[in-house]
Amino acid sequence: MGANLVHGTVTQNNCIACPFHNWTFDGKSGTCLSGKKQKQASKFKYQVSKNHEGNTIYNFIEAKPEDMKCKTKSTKISIEEENDTSVTSNGDDCADSPNIKSYVIYENAGIIYIFLHAIREKELNPDYYPFDLTEEKKKFVYRGTATNKTKNQFQDMPENGADIAHFLYIHPQIFKGILYAYWKPKWVSASAPDLLEQTKSDHSWITDFRHKLINKFVNDSNKSKIGIVLLENEISFFNFKYRYLFFGLIGFQVGPGLVYLFLKSPFFETMFFQYSELIGKHNIELHHEIWTANWIPYWFSALKLKLESDQVTNDCVIWDNKKFGSTPWYNLSTVADNFLKEWRVFFCQFYEGCKEKDEKLKALNSDW
């Protein structure tokens, strides 16, 4: 009936009960447990027209008896539009019960992850996992979450870390007119054979900080799914010629949408955890959690979170007014464009199966 199971209940035997009619589904497999004799309409039709006020009117047409039989392994829904064209969509396999789709769930350090993939087999057999933050959440305390709203193409957000040239043009100031920022950015794939060499800094304490985290989180099973962004930040007041090293940062992009940023200065350490929430087509909320040492004053943690979110706001202005070309131009004589091209080759793996799934969604007449 289309009720949202989020508003249902979980029974004592780990089943999910629908909030509408109390049908129950096995929490692991998605199998419907409310009986074996439910009937499902396998085909229906409706015509779309407009009334005199311009509102859309749906006129349902009674299905023929032969239409109500499941003739193949897929449920068929035929939609006849005003122009008499017909779109056929594939639903769930015909079965004795109206089962729901199940997903692989991973819970760690108070966070529940759900694995999604365009290819169902890979969705059920993930080849990498989010980072285990158990130790970090004992070391740091949670201080808040900031959210940026954007209407971009999803790739823009993770690509940001590899687009090193944009730091110089989009993020030259931390406090406008007062505190100026100077960046030393770099991007590298975690599968690089000389990873430790490429992640060295001119400052030994930053190098040690980076290598400790790399050795902890990167391994042979996940390195092909991880991109690493490196930053060093110097600041000056009122753009004076004297600069001060403020912090070093290493960020891990795990899969297409999880980002862990670890920041270290001579005075403090901070962890940011970034993830996005798809609200609708080209309607995304980017969330930033901040975790800091317990002794750091709350106001200072809140200030760091606001400054980080403000920088992303500058990015959003670009993202929301950006178009993708089918044949982008690169200036490969520059380090920046080489990093960007390398990152895009790396990120292509996360589109596997998406074209085929998109074609199926179009056949469903999906507005996505």
Foldseek 3Di string as FASTA:
>chain_A
DPADQVPFDQDPQRWGFGPPPGFIAHNAAQFTPRDQADADQLEWEWEWDADPVRDIDTGTDDDDPVNRDDPDQFRWYWYQYPVRDIFIATDHGDGSTPGDHHFDWDDAPHDIDTFDALDVVCRRPPLDDDFHCNVVCVQWPWQDKDKDKFLFDLQLVVLVLLLVVVCVVLPQALPPQFKGKDKDKHKDQLPPPPVLVVQDDPDVVLSVVVVVVSVRGDDPRFRLQKMKMKMWMWMDTSPDPDIDTAWIKIWIDGHSFWIWIWIDGPVFIKIWIWGKDDPDNSIIMIMIIIITGPPDDSVVSVSVNVSVVVSVVSVRVDRRPDDDDPDDDADVVDPSRVSSVVVVVSNVVRCVNVVVSVVSCVSVVHPD
